[in-house]
Protein backbone atom coordinates (compact mmCIF):
# COMPACT_ATOMS: atom_id res chain seq x y z
CA UNK A 1 193.11 165.04 96.66
CA UNK A 2 189.49 164.11 96.98
CA UNK A 3 188.52 164.55 100.76
CA UNK A 4 187.07 161.06 102.39
CA UNK A 5 183.50 160.90 102.18
CA UNK A 6 182.06 160.63 105.82
CA UNK A 7 179.06 158.34 104.91
CA UNK A 8 181.45 155.63 103.50
CA UNK A 9 182.16 154.11 107.16
CA UNK A 10 178.36 153.84 107.82
CA UNK A 11 177.55 152.04 104.62
CA UNK A 12 180.11 149.75 105.40
CA UNK A 13 178.87 148.99 108.62
CA UNK A 14 175.22 148.71 107.62
CA UNK A 15 175.85 146.30 104.61
CA UNK A 16 176.56 143.18 106.50
CA UNK A 17 173.31 143.90 108.69
CA UNK A 18 171.41 144.31 105.13
CA UNK A 19 172.50 141.10 103.81
CA UNK A 20 171.69 139.29 106.86
CA UNK A 21 168.25 140.45 107.10
CA UNK A 22 167.72 139.53 103.31
CA UNK A 23 169.15 136.06 104.09
CA UNK A 24 166.49 135.47 107.16
CA UNK A 25 163.66 136.75 105.00
CA UNK A 26 164.18 134.43 102.10
CA UNK A 27 162.97 131.53 104.74
CA UNK A 28 159.33 132.81 104.68
CA UNK A 29 159.14 132.30 100.95
CA UNK A 30 160.88 128.93 100.98
CA UNK A 31 160.19 126.28 103.81
CA UNK A 32 162.87 123.87 104.77
CA UNK A 33 162.51 120.53 103.79
CA UNK A 34 162.50 119.10 107.40
CA UNK A 35 162.20 120.87 110.99
CA UNK A 36 165.59 122.11 111.82
CA UNK A 37 166.57 123.63 115.37
CA UNK A 38 169.56 126.22 114.73
CA UNK A 39 171.23 127.50 117.66
CA UNK A 40 171.86 131.33 117.94
CA UNK A 41 175.24 132.15 116.77
CA UNK A 42 177.55 133.60 119.18
CA UNK A 43 177.82 137.39 119.40
CA UNK A 44 179.98 138.94 116.70
CA UNK A 45 181.58 142.15 117.38
CA UNK A 46 182.06 144.51 114.47
CA UNK A 47 183.63 147.88 114.52
CA UNK A 48 181.03 150.15 114.80
CA UNK A 49 178.30 147.68 115.47
CA UNK A 50 176.30 148.35 118.52
CA UNK A 51 177.40 145.05 119.91
CA UNK A 52 180.60 146.61 120.41
CA UNK A 53 179.04 148.94 123.10
CA UNK A 54 177.99 145.94 125.12
CA UNK A 55 174.60 144.97 123.26
CA UNK A 56 174.20 141.44 121.73
CA UNK A 57 173.08 141.00 118.19
CA UNK A 58 170.85 137.82 117.51
CA UNK A 59 170.78 136.87 113.99
CA UNK A 60 167.54 135.85 112.35
CA UNK A 61 166.57 132.26 112.07
CA UNK A 62 164.22 131.15 108.95
CA UNK A 63 161.15 129.22 110.20
CA UNK A 64 160.48 126.09 109.23
CA UNK A 65 157.29 124.21 108.53
CA UNK A 66 156.14 124.70 112.18
CA UNK A 67 155.99 128.16 111.50
CA UNK A 68 154.41 128.09 107.82
CA UNK A 69 151.72 125.42 108.97
CA UNK A 70 149.53 127.99 110.59
CA UNK A 71 149.55 130.06 107.15
CA UNK A 72 148.79 126.80 105.18
CA UNK A 73 146.08 126.01 107.49
CA UNK A 74 144.76 129.60 107.31
CA UNK A 75 144.56 129.42 103.54
CA UNK A 76 142.52 125.94 103.51
CA UNK A 77 140.00 127.58 105.56
CA UNK A 78 139.76 130.47 103.55
CA UNK A 79 139.43 128.25 100.24
CA UNK A 80 136.61 125.96 102.23
CA UNK A 81 134.72 129.15 103.48
CA UNK A 82 134.54 130.79 99.99
CA UNK A 83 132.51 127.52 98.58
CA UNK A 84 129.13 127.32 100.97
CA UNK A 85 128.34 123.70 101.74
CA UNK A 86 124.99 122.52 102.46
CA UNK A 87 124.00 121.35 105.86
CA UNK A 88 123.41 117.63 106.16
CA UNK A 89 119.98 116.39 105.39
CA UNK A 90 117.71 115.97 108.86
CA UNK A 91 116.63 112.64 110.13
CA UNK A 92 113.06 111.77 108.74
CA UNK A 93 110.51 113.55 110.64
CA UNK A 94 113.11 115.85 112.51
CA UNK A 95 112.42 119.61 112.53
CA UNK A 96 115.15 121.57 110.25
CA UNK A 97 118.00 123.28 112.36
CA UNK A 98 118.66 127.00 112.29
CA UNK A 99 121.74 126.15 109.77
CA UNK A 100 119.35 124.67 107.54
CA UNK A 101 116.92 127.30 107.33
CA UNK A 102 119.73 129.98 106.89
CA UNK A 103 121.07 127.98 103.99
CA UNK A 104 117.35 127.92 102.44
CA UNK A 105 117.05 131.51 102.77
CA UNK A 106 120.50 132.32 101.20
CA UNK A 107 120.37 130.04 98.13
CA UNK A 108 116.66 129.62 97.82
CA UNK A 109 116.20 125.99 98.46
CA UNK A 110 114.32 124.47 101.44
CA UNK A 111 115.55 121.69 103.77
CA UNK A 112 115.27 118.09 102.21
CA UNK A 113 112.49 116.24 103.76
CA UNK A 114 112.50 112.74 102.59
CA UNK A 115 108.73 112.29 103.54
CA UNK A 116 107.48 114.75 101.35
CA UNK A 117 109.85 114.06 98.46
CA UNK A 118 107.60 114.36 95.35
CA UNK A 119 109.96 112.09 93.30
CA UNK A 120 109.50 109.05 95.72
CA UNK A 121 106.68 106.56 94.47
CA UNK A 122 103.39 106.70 96.26
CA UNK A 123 103.23 104.08 99.00
CA UNK A 124 101.62 100.79 98.35
CA UNK A 125 97.74 100.82 99.33
CA UNK A 126 96.34 97.38 100.27
CA UNK A 127 93.06 96.63 98.91
CA UNK A 128 90.29 97.40 101.55
CA UNK A 129 87.98 94.55 102.62
CA UNK A 130 84.34 94.94 101.13
CA UNK A 131 82.56 94.09 104.42
CA UNK A 132 79.18 96.23 104.39
CA UNK A 133 77.65 93.69 106.73
CA UNK A 134 80.42 93.99 109.24
CA UNK A 135 78.33 94.52 112.48
CA UNK A 136 76.33 91.28 111.72
CA UNK A 137 79.36 89.36 110.63
CA UNK A 138 81.36 90.20 113.78
CA UNK A 139 78.14 88.79 115.86
CA UNK A 140 78.36 85.57 114.00
CA UNK A 141 82.33 85.52 114.34
CA UNK A 142 81.74 85.69 118.20
CA UNK A 143 79.10 82.94 118.02
CA UNK A 144 81.61 80.51 115.94
CA UNK A 145 84.55 81.61 118.29
CA UNK A 146 82.32 80.20 121.27
CA UNK A 147 81.27 76.97 119.53
CA UNK A 148 84.91 76.45 118.40
CA UNK A 149 86.38 76.80 122.00
CA UNK A 150 83.63 74.58 123.48
CA UNK A 151 83.23 71.99 121.00
CA UNK A 152 85.57 71.81 117.88
CA UNK A 153 88.77 72.48 119.96
CA UNK A 154 88.15 69.92 122.56
CA UNK A 155 87.20 67.24 119.72
CA UNK A 156 90.51 68.00 117.82
CA UNK A 157 93.00 67.84 120.52
CA UNK A 158 91.29 64.39 121.53
CA UNK A 159 91.69 63.40 117.94
CA UNK A 160 95.13 64.58 117.87
CA UNK A 161 95.77 62.76 121.01
CA UNK A 162 94.15 59.49 120.09
CA UNK A 163 94.92 58.95 116.51
CA UNK A 164 98.50 58.49 115.12
CA UNK A 165 99.97 60.94 112.81
CA UNK A 166 100.44 58.56 109.91
CA UNK A 167 96.72 57.97 110.22
CA UNK A 168 95.86 61.46 110.46
CA UNK A 169 97.68 62.18 107.43
CA UNK A 170 95.79 59.34 105.47
CA UNK A 171 92.45 60.62 106.61
CA UNK A 172 93.51 64.25 105.22
CA UNK A 173 94.87 62.66 101.75
CA UNK A 174 91.46 60.69 101.66
CA UNK A 175 89.20 63.84 101.97
CA UNK A 176 91.43 65.76 99.77
CA UNK A 177 91.28 63.15 96.98
CA UNK A 178 87.49 63.13 97.11
CA UNK A 179 87.45 66.79 96.08
CA UNK A 180 89.55 66.65 93.08
CA UNK A 181 86.58 65.36 90.67
CA UNK A 182 84.77 68.75 91.39
CA UNK A 183 88.12 70.79 91.11
CA UNK A 184 88.27 69.29 87.76
CA UNK A 185 84.85 70.04 86.49
CA UNK A 186 85.36 73.61 87.79
CA UNK A 187 88.65 74.07 86.25
CA UNK A 188 87.10 72.79 82.94
CA UNK A 189 84.30 75.42 83.38
CA UNK A 190 87.13 78.13 83.68
CA UNK A 191 88.61 76.99 80.36
CA UNK A 192 91.71 75.21 81.90
CA UNK A 193 91.39 71.88 80.29
CA UNK A 194 95.19 70.88 81.37
CA UNK A 195 94.55 71.53 84.93
CA UNK A 196 91.41 69.46 84.72
CA UNK A 197 93.04 66.78 83.45
CA UNK A 198 95.76 66.99 86.22
CA UNK A 199 93.02 66.94 89.08
CA UNK A 200 91.34 63.93 87.25
CA UNK A 201 94.47 62.23 87.09
CA UNK A 202 95.28 62.84 90.69
CA UNK A 203 91.98 61.24 91.65
CA UNK A 204 92.39 58.06 89.74
CA UNK A 205 95.87 57.54 90.68
CA UNK A 206 95.19 58.16 94.27
CA UNK A 207 92.16 56.25 94.39
CA UNK A 208 93.92 53.07 92.75
CA UNK A 209 97.67 52.99 93.82
CA UNK A 210 96.92 55.14 96.86
CA UNK A 211 94.57 52.87 98.27
CA UNK A 212 91.40 54.65 98.09
CA UNK A 213 93.34 57.90 98.61
CA UNK A 214 94.70 57.07 101.90
CA UNK A 215 98.04 57.87 100.36
CA UNK A 216 99.26 60.35 97.89
CA UNK A 217 101.60 58.83 94.93
CA UNK A 218 100.21 61.58 92.53
CA UNK A 219 102.32 64.16 94.46
CA UNK A 220 105.20 61.81 94.26
CA UNK A 221 104.66 61.83 90.28
CA UNK A 222 104.80 65.68 90.68
CA UNK A 223 100.99 65.90 89.41
CA UNK A 224 99.86 69.54 90.88
CA UNK A 225 97.37 69.72 93.36
CA UNK A 226 94.64 72.47 92.76
CA UNK A 227 91.54 73.20 94.57
CA UNK A 228 88.74 74.88 92.59
CA UNK A 229 85.16 75.32 93.22
CA UNK A 230 82.23 76.98 91.49
CA UNK A 231 82.94 80.30 93.76
CA UNK A 232 86.22 80.73 91.72
CA UNK A 233 84.19 79.85 88.45
CA UNK A 234 81.61 82.70 89.27
CA UNK A 235 84.73 85.09 89.70
CA UNK A 236 86.36 83.80 86.61
CA UNK A 237 83.02 84.52 84.87
CA UNK A 238 82.86 88.14 85.96
CA UNK A 239 81.58 88.31 89.43
CA UNK A 240 84.89 89.78 90.81
CA UNK A 241 83.88 92.10 93.77
CA UNK A 242 81.69 90.29 96.30
CA UNK A 243 80.83 91.38 99.83
CA UNK A 244 82.33 89.23 102.80
CA UNK A 245 80.00 87.10 104.88
CA UNK A 246 80.62 84.89 107.80
CA UNK A 247 78.34 81.84 107.72
CA UNK A 248 77.17 80.45 111.38
CA UNK A 249 79.35 77.35 112.04
CA UNK A 250 81.17 77.38 108.65
CA UNK A 251 83.15 80.62 108.84
CA UNK A 252 84.43 82.96 106.10
CA UNK A 253 82.89 83.14 102.79
CA UNK A 254 81.51 85.93 100.06
CA UNK A 255 78.09 86.16 98.90
CA UNK A 256 79.43 84.87 95.67
CA UNK A 257 81.06 81.99 97.35
CA UNK A 258 77.84 81.17 99.17
CA UNK A 259 75.85 80.58 95.87
CA UNK A 260 78.77 78.84 94.62
CA UNK A 261 77.91 75.99 97.19
CA UNK A 262 74.52 75.61 95.43
CA UNK A 263 76.64 74.58 92.30
CA UNK A 264 79.17 72.39 94.17
CA UNK A 265 76.68 70.47 96.54
CA UNK A 266 75.14 68.07 94.10
CA UNK A 267 78.58 67.12 93.04
CA UNK A 268 80.03 66.09 96.36
CA UNK A 269 80.92 62.61 96.70
CA UNK A 270 80.26 62.42 100.47
CA UNK A 271 76.66 63.84 99.93
CA UNK A 272 75.94 60.89 97.51
CA UNK A 273 76.16 58.27 100.52
CA UNK A 274 72.76 57.42 101.19
CA UNK A 275 73.12 55.81 104.90
CA UNK A 276 72.89 59.01 106.93
CA UNK A 277 74.92 57.44 109.71
CA UNK A 278 78.01 56.78 107.63
CA UNK A 279 77.50 60.20 105.88
CA UNK A 280 77.29 62.00 109.15
CA UNK A 281 80.30 60.12 110.40
CA UNK A 282 82.10 61.10 107.20
CA UNK A 283 81.09 64.75 107.71
CA UNK A 284 82.08 65.13 111.17
CA UNK A 285 85.58 63.44 110.67
CA UNK A 286 86.19 65.80 108.01
CA UNK A 287 85.30 69.01 110.11
CA UNK A 288 87.50 67.46 113.13
CA UNK A 289 90.53 66.71 110.55
CA UNK A 290 89.89 70.18 109.18
CA UNK A 291 90.05 71.87 112.78
CA UNK A 292 93.42 70.21 113.41
CA UNK A 293 94.83 71.97 110.47
CA UNK A 294 94.16 75.39 112.22
CA UNK A 295 96.29 74.55 115.19
CA UNK A 296 99.43 76.21 113.40
CA UNK A 297 97.69 79.65 113.09
CA UNK A 298 95.78 79.96 116.51
CA UNK A 299 98.44 81.58 118.24
CA UNK A 300 98.66 84.10 115.62
CA UNK A 301 95.02 84.70 115.88
CA UNK A 302 94.92 84.98 119.80
CA UNK A 303 97.84 87.44 119.54
CA UNK A 304 96.05 89.87 116.80
CA UNK A 305 94.45 93.15 118.05
CA UNK A 306 91.18 92.61 116.20
CA UNK A 307 91.18 88.70 115.49
CA UNK A 308 87.96 89.05 113.14
CA UNK A 309 89.61 91.67 110.90
CA UNK A 310 92.72 89.17 110.65
CA UNK A 311 90.80 86.20 109.74
CA UNK A 312 88.71 88.26 107.01
CA UNK A 313 91.59 90.18 105.59
CA UNK A 314 93.60 86.85 105.27
CA UNK A 315 90.86 84.90 103.76
CA UNK A 316 89.77 87.57 101.25
CA UNK A 317 93.54 87.93 100.20
CA UNK A 318 94.07 84.44 99.32
CA UNK A 319 90.68 84.35 97.68
CA UNK A 320 91.20 87.30 95.46
CA UNK A 321 94.44 85.88 94.55
CA UNK A 322 92.92 82.69 93.49
CA UNK A 323 90.49 84.17 91.35
CA UNK A 324 92.84 86.78 89.75
CA UNK A 325 95.11 83.95 89.07
CA UNK A 326 92.27 82.09 87.02
CA UNK A 327 91.14 85.12 85.17
CA UNK A 328 94.44 85.73 83.95
CA UNK A 329 94.86 82.09 82.76
CA UNK A 330 98.24 81.90 84.67
CA UNK A 331 99.77 78.78 86.25
CA UNK A 332 99.28 79.49 90.13
CA UNK A 333 103.01 78.79 90.87
CA UNK A 334 103.54 82.61 90.55
CA UNK A 335 101.45 83.04 93.64
CA UNK A 336 103.15 82.96 97.06
CA UNK A 337 103.37 79.38 98.91
CA UNK A 338 101.06 80.66 101.66
CA UNK A 339 98.38 81.40 99.08
CA UNK A 340 98.60 78.14 97.34
CA UNK A 341 98.64 75.88 100.63
CA UNK A 342 95.34 74.78 101.45
CA UNK A 343 96.38 73.10 104.66
CA UNK A 344 97.58 76.45 105.98
CA UNK A 345 94.04 78.21 104.92
CA UNK A 346 91.51 75.44 105.27
CA UNK A 347 87.91 76.51 104.41
CA UNK A 348 85.02 74.36 105.40
CA UNK A 349 84.27 72.34 102.13
CA UNK A 350 80.75 71.80 100.40
CA UNK A 351 80.75 68.21 101.78
CA UNK A 352 79.79 69.07 105.37
CA UNK A 353 77.46 71.75 104.43
CA UNK A 354 73.63 70.61 105.65
CA UNK A 355 72.17 71.60 102.38
CA UNK A 356 68.57 70.09 101.19
CA UNK A 357 68.97 67.85 98.14
CA UNK A 358 67.50 69.32 94.91
CA UNK A 359 65.31 65.99 94.24
CA UNK A 360 63.93 64.01 97.31
CA UNK A 361 64.93 60.51 97.68
CA UNK A 362 62.26 58.10 96.82
């Protein structure tokens, strides 16, 4: 008869413990579907178990999602750290941070600077005013401002206060219509017969149905109102870049436009009036009416840091746009509204210039 194996009782006692340990270890590999709280089982007394000697055995409890979450978070952090991320771009003009410098040193790319980005287009450059006589022009500008404050502005304010608005509109229409024949001739010299016909049509329609030009039925008939002079014609013929000059009492011009006055002067309707008193009255009334149109931009001029530069640049910009449109033979509807509106950018007309007549009156 085979004697009993002395290790068999020990193996039988350890087998339940090994099975319990295996069951508890499976919880690490497979998470429970929902958080579950498991109360500890009551102490089990097994023959040969240490609990039989007064020690309590607590079975292992499988950890739920709360226990596995730290491991998942650690894995995600490890994956993110394995792929380096470029630091955020600094604000324009801000110095790069240490993190950006470290990233550039490791990966060989400098921090992005939007100000020095070579792929961006070059900033727009406004054309500089051609004003070599600026010192002289500024002196004339101060003189013109002094005359404007002491004479022109008080007369214009009194005119606005005394004369009703409908009458003032009629006066403006009258002088505007008188300039249409000169505009028609210059448009024809520029090679624009259609515009010349429109200017001549405006003059005839307003002079008849408009009661001598006091009313403007031509605008109601959608006939464009274009202002052309011999200075613009010289620009179309090739004299494009001309120096800026400010004339005493008569304001902004260029040297080209000053010579253009010689071409427009003999065609001026007001200058054809032989009676000196009537001619001087019409010229003075036209100047006062012109000054009332400048009230709209007086506040802007007074608030400018350099009022002379503002007037010069605005006048030259509008003038250059007009000549460029004429040279390209394009309709001026493509220009901005404020460049087309003569009332917003008035210029002293040739009608009021004290020019010597070409031939003496007998």
